[in-house]
């Protein structure tokens, strides 16, 4: 590794020399590393191939979950959600006691590790929605529900400044990881006024495939709005919206 000198500083690659910038200045170094063919075929890199395969499985699984929940995630996610979700899924893969290393799967692992995952780490559901609720799933009928106890919005919801209204949503998804397919259903409370008036106990229900054999994940989210001139505007572009996994059922 050498430090670049001279007035003109280079970035990129010329022949076998890579030019780049670091905190210590503009540097240059010869290209190197292990060839792709060796990694793919050398027995010494068997563990590397296994790790790569399982990382790829986690990445594809995360993409499937994000695609399934896209409509709810649009305004309730942070910029690191892809990596955070992949990390959790990789830890799930490592709990698969059925398949060999390198062939382990998400669906054969302990999917309960997804419980409590927040898609927007800046607004965890547990510190945003304090209203008590139970998340239930009936695999025979395919019904997923949340039963919300009565609550006062201004007491049980930590809303950002400027909030005039909010909406609570339930989502449920059945995940076919091998075929990268999903079934999704969602329901919400409708836009509600953010005030001290107590909201009666209520239930949100969605229906998936009855007697499905696929893993099912339930999420609960809350969005905040500001009512201006007859229109509901998402508050702060959804920066304070919460969405989290509240139920996992894997037979």
Protein backbone atom coordinates (compact mmCIF):
# COMPACT_ATOMS: atom_id res chain seq x y z
CA UNK A 1 0.00 0.00 0.00
CA UNK A 2 1.43 3.37 -1.04
CA UNK A 3 0.34 6.97 -0.63
CA UNK A 4 -0.37 8.95 -3.78
CA UNK A 5 1.79 12.01 -4.36
CA UNK A 6 1.38 14.87 -6.77
CA UNK A 7 -1.37 17.38 -7.51
CA UNK A 8 -3.79 15.06 -9.35
CA UNK A 9 -5.24 12.29 -7.17
CA UNK A 10 -6.67 9.18 -8.83
CA UNK A 11 -9.67 7.01 -7.96
CA UNK A 12 -10.49 3.66 -9.52
CA UNK A 13 -8.37 0.94 -11.12
CA UNK A 14 -5.68 1.11 -13.77
CA UNK A 15 -4.25 -2.24 -14.85
CA UNK A 16 -3.53 -4.03 -11.54
CA UNK A 17 -3.35 -0.89 -9.38
CA UNK A 18 -6.35 0.33 -7.35
CA UNK A 19 -6.48 4.00 -6.36
CA UNK A 20 -8.72 5.02 -3.47
CA UNK A 21 -9.24 7.58 -0.71
CA UNK A 22 -9.03 6.89 3.03
CA UNK A 23 -8.95 8.97 6.20
CA UNK A 24 -5.15 8.94 5.83
CA UNK A 25 -5.22 10.38 2.34
CA UNK A 26 -5.18 9.10 -1.24
CA UNK A 27 -3.71 5.60 -1.46
CA UNK A 28 -2.74 3.04 -4.09
CA UNK A 29 -2.29 -0.71 -3.91
CA UNK A 30 -1.86 -3.70 -6.16
CA UNK A 31 -4.94 -5.77 -6.85
CA UNK A 32 -4.86 -9.14 -5.16
CA UNK A 33 -6.91 -11.72 -3.37
CA UNK A 34 -8.05 -15.26 -3.95
CA UNK A 35 -9.55 -16.14 -7.30
CA UNK A 36 -13.25 -16.91 -7.60
CA UNK A 37 -12.52 -20.30 -9.16
CA UNK A 38 -10.39 -21.33 -6.19
CA UNK A 39 -13.10 -20.35 -3.72
CA UNK A 40 -15.67 -22.34 -5.73
CA UNK A 41 -13.58 -25.48 -6.08
CA UNK A 42 -10.76 -25.72 -3.53
CA UNK A 43 -11.63 -28.09 -0.62
CA UNK A 44 -9.86 -25.63 1.69
CA UNK A 45 -12.70 -23.17 1.12
CA UNK A 46 -15.54 -25.59 1.87
CA UNK A 47 -16.58 -23.60 4.96
CA UNK A 48 -16.44 -20.37 2.96
CA UNK A 49 -18.80 -21.85 0.37
CA UNK A 50 -21.16 -23.08 3.09
CA UNK A 51 -21.21 -19.67 4.77
CA UNK A 52 -21.81 -17.96 1.44
CA UNK A 53 -24.68 -20.28 0.60
CA UNK A 54 -26.43 -19.65 3.91
CA UNK A 55 -25.86 -15.91 3.69
CA UNK A 56 -27.51 -16.03 0.28
CA UNK A 57 -30.46 -17.96 1.73
CA UNK A 58 -30.87 -15.31 4.43
CA UNK A 59 -30.68 -12.53 1.87
CA UNK A 60 -33.35 -14.09 -0.34
CA UNK A 61 -35.56 -14.78 2.67
CA UNK A 62 -35.29 -11.16 3.77
CA UNK A 63 -36.24 -10.00 0.29
CA UNK A 64 -39.32 -12.24 0.34
CA UNK A 65 -40.45 -10.84 3.71
CA UNK A 66 -39.88 -7.25 2.59
CA UNK A 67 -41.76 -7.80 -0.66
CA UNK A 68 -44.64 -9.39 1.24
CA UNK A 69 -44.89 -6.46 3.66
CA UNK A 70 -44.09 -3.76 1.13
CA UNK A 71 -47.38 -1.88 1.51
CA UNK A 72 -46.87 -1.57 5.27
CA UNK A 73 -43.12 -0.97 5.11
CA UNK A 74 -43.31 1.94 2.67
CA UNK A 75 -43.52 4.48 5.49
CA UNK A 76 -42.16 2.41 8.38
CA UNK A 77 -38.57 1.37 7.79
CA UNK A 78 -35.04 2.57 8.40
CA UNK A 79 -32.12 2.61 5.98
CA UNK A 80 -30.44 -0.39 7.64
CA UNK A 81 -33.48 -2.66 7.70
CA UNK A 82 -32.15 -4.94 4.94
CA UNK A 83 -28.97 -5.77 6.83
CA UNK A 84 -30.70 -6.04 10.20
CA UNK A 85 -33.30 -8.46 8.86
CA UNK A 86 -30.68 -10.54 7.05
CA UNK A 87 -28.70 -10.83 10.29
CA UNK A 88 -31.73 -12.19 12.19
CA UNK A 89 -32.57 -14.64 9.40
CA UNK A 90 -28.98 -15.87 9.34
CA UNK A 91 -29.18 -16.58 13.07
CA UNK A 92 -32.40 -18.53 12.41
CA UNK A 93 -30.71 -20.58 9.68
CA UNK A 94 -27.97 -21.56 12.12
CA UNK A 95 -30.59 -23.15 14.40
CA UNK A 96 -31.71 -25.59 11.68
CA UNK A 97 -30.93 -29.02 13.12
CA UNK A 98 -32.35 -30.91 10.12
CA UNK A 99 -30.15 -30.00 7.18
CA UNK A 100 -26.39 -30.07 6.68
CA UNK A 101 -24.29 -26.93 7.02
CA UNK A 102 -24.54 -24.92 3.84
CA UNK A 103 -28.00 -26.35 3.13
CA UNK A 104 -29.77 -25.12 6.26
CA UNK A 105 -33.00 -23.16 5.77
CA UNK A 106 -35.07 -20.47 7.46
CA UNK A 107 -38.24 -22.55 7.67
CA UNK A 108 -36.43 -25.36 9.47
CA UNK A 109 -34.88 -23.02 11.99
CA UNK A 110 -36.26 -21.31 15.10
CA UNK A 111 -38.36 -18.65 13.41
CA UNK A 112 -39.53 -17.34 16.77
CA UNK A 113 -36.28 -15.33 16.72
CA UNK A 114 -38.16 -12.93 14.42
CA UNK A 115 -40.52 -11.97 17.26
CA UNK A 116 -40.25 -8.30 18.14
CA UNK A 117 -38.28 -7.34 15.03
CA UNK A 118 -38.80 -3.62 14.32
CA UNK A 119 -38.64 -2.50 10.71
CA UNK A 120 -38.03 1.09 11.83
CA UNK A 121 -35.44 1.04 14.59
CA UNK A 122 -35.98 4.78 15.14
CA UNK A 123 -39.55 4.09 16.23
CA UNK A 124 -39.89 0.70 18.00
CA UNK A 125 -43.49 -0.45 18.35
CA UNK A 126 -42.97 -1.13 22.07
CA UNK A 127 -42.17 2.52 22.77
CA UNK A 128 -44.78 3.92 20.39
CA UNK A 129 -47.97 1.93 20.98
CA UNK A 130 -48.63 1.28 24.67
CA UNK A 131 -52.21 0.08 24.20
CA UNK A 132 -52.40 -3.60 25.23
CA UNK A 133 -53.22 -6.13 22.52
CA UNK A 134 -53.15 -9.89 21.90
CA UNK A 135 -52.02 -11.31 18.57
CA UNK A 136 -53.67 -14.62 17.66
CA UNK A 137 -53.53 -16.98 14.69
CA UNK A 138 -55.85 -19.89 13.93
CA UNK A 139 -54.11 -22.15 11.43
CA UNK A 140 -57.25 -24.18 10.73
CA UNK A 141 -59.31 -21.17 9.58
CA UNK A 142 -56.38 -19.04 8.48
CA UNK A 143 -57.60 -16.12 10.60
CA UNK A 144 -55.03 -13.78 12.14
CA UNK A 145 -56.29 -11.23 14.67
CA UNK A 146 -55.22 -8.61 17.16
CA UNK A 147 -57.53 -7.81 20.07
CA UNK A 148 -56.93 -4.27 21.27
CA UNK A 149 -58.03 -3.28 24.75
CA UNK A 150 -59.76 0.06 25.28
CA UNK A 151 -57.28 2.94 25.38
CA UNK A 152 -56.92 6.71 25.34
CA UNK A 153 -54.82 7.71 22.31
CA UNK A 154 -53.01 10.58 24.04
CA UNK A 155 -52.16 8.32 26.98
CA UNK A 156 -51.31 5.07 25.19
CA UNK A 157 -49.73 6.31 21.95
CA UNK A 158 -46.42 8.20 21.90
CA UNK A 159 -47.08 10.39 18.87
CA UNK A 160 -44.63 12.91 17.40
CA UNK A 161 -45.36 16.64 17.71
CA UNK A 162 -47.91 17.83 15.20
CA UNK A 163 -49.92 14.60 15.12
CA UNK A 164 -53.66 15.08 14.67
CA UNK A 165 -54.57 11.56 13.54
CA UNK A 166 -53.20 8.01 13.48
CA UNK A 167 -53.96 4.58 12.06
CA UNK A 168 -53.22 1.11 13.45
CA UNK A 169 -52.73 -1.77 11.00
CA UNK A 170 -52.50 -5.54 11.15
CA UNK A 171 -50.71 -7.54 8.50
CA UNK A 172 -50.25 -11.29 8.13
CA UNK A 173 -48.20 -13.18 5.59
CA UNK A 174 -47.60 -16.84 4.77
CA UNK A 175 -44.10 -17.39 3.45
CA UNK A 176 -43.04 -20.00 0.89
CA UNK A 177 -39.25 -19.59 1.10
CA UNK A 178 -38.25 -22.38 -1.35
CA UNK A 179 -40.44 -20.95 -4.12
CA UNK A 180 -40.06 -17.27 -3.12
CA UNK A 181 -43.84 -16.79 -2.98
CA UNK A 182 -46.16 -15.36 -0.36
CA UNK A 183 -49.77 -14.72 0.58
CA UNK A 184 -50.55 -11.41 2.29
CA UNK A 185 -53.56 -9.82 3.93
CA UNK A 186 -53.97 -6.58 5.85
CA UNK A 187 -56.61 -4.62 7.75
CA UNK A 188 -56.53 -1.36 9.66
CA UNK A 189 -58.47 0.76 12.13
CA UNK A 190 -59.09 3.56 9.69
CA UNK A 191 -57.72 7.01 10.42
CA UNK A 192 -58.51 7.92 14.04
CA UNK A 193 -58.38 11.23 15.89
CA UNK A 194 -55.45 11.68 18.23
CA UNK A 195 -57.16 12.98 21.38
CA UNK A 196 -57.84 11.93 25.00
CA UNK A 197 -61.21 10.30 24.25
CA UNK A 198 -61.13 6.58 25.08
CA UNK A 199 -61.35 4.22 22.12
CA UNK A 200 -63.45 1.10 22.87
CA UNK A 201 -61.89 -2.35 22.71
CA UNK A 202 -61.67 -3.57 19.12
CA UNK A 203 -60.44 -6.41 16.92
CA UNK A 204 -58.64 -6.40 13.58
CA UNK A 205 -58.88 -9.59 11.53
CA UNK A 206 -57.31 -10.82 8.31
CA UNK A 207 -57.57 -14.20 6.60
CA UNK A 208 -54.87 -16.31 4.98
CA UNK A 209 -55.11 -19.79 3.42
CA UNK A 210 -57.03 -22.16 5.73
CA UNK A 211 -54.90 -25.06 6.98
CA UNK A 212 -51.78 -23.65 5.33
CA UNK A 213 -48.55 -25.56 5.99
CA UNK A 214 -46.37 -22.49 5.48
CA UNK A 215 -44.78 -20.30 8.17
CA UNK A 216 -46.98 -17.33 9.10
CA UNK A 217 -45.79 -13.98 10.41
CA UNK A 218 -48.00 -11.23 11.87
CA UNK A 219 -47.08 -7.57 12.11
CA UNK A 220 -48.66 -4.55 13.77
CA UNK A 221 -47.95 -1.01 12.66
CA UNK A 222 -49.00 2.53 13.49
CA UNK A 223 -48.90 5.58 11.19
CA UNK A 224 -49.18 9.24 12.10
CA UNK A 225 -50.89 12.01 10.14
CA UNK A 226 -51.53 15.72 10.21
CA UNK A 227 -54.91 16.96 8.99
CA UNK A 228 -54.56 20.15 6.93
CA UNK A 229 -57.24 21.74 4.72
CA UNK A 230 -59.25 18.57 4.41
CA UNK A 231 -56.26 16.30 3.68
CA UNK A 232 -54.38 13.75 5.80
CA UNK A 233 -50.64 14.16 5.32
CA UNK A 234 -48.14 11.51 6.52
CA UNK A 235 -46.26 13.18 9.36
CA UNK A 236 -42.51 13.71 8.81
CA UNK A 237 -42.61 11.30 5.84
CA UNK A 238 -43.25 8.42 8.21
CA UNK A 239 -40.05 8.86 10.23
CA UNK A 240 -41.94 8.06 13.46
CA UNK A 241 -44.15 5.28 12.11
CA UNK A 242 -43.69 1.90 13.77
CA UNK A 243 -43.98 -1.63 12.36
CA UNK A 244 -42.97 -4.79 14.18
CA UNK A 245 -43.40 -8.56 14.07
CA UNK A 246 -45.81 -9.58 16.83
CA UNK A 247 -46.59 -13.18 15.91
CA UNK A 248 -44.74 -16.12 14.35
CA UNK A 249 -46.38 -19.50 13.68
CA UNK A 250 -44.33 -22.25 12.05
CA UNK A 251 -45.58 -25.82 12.13
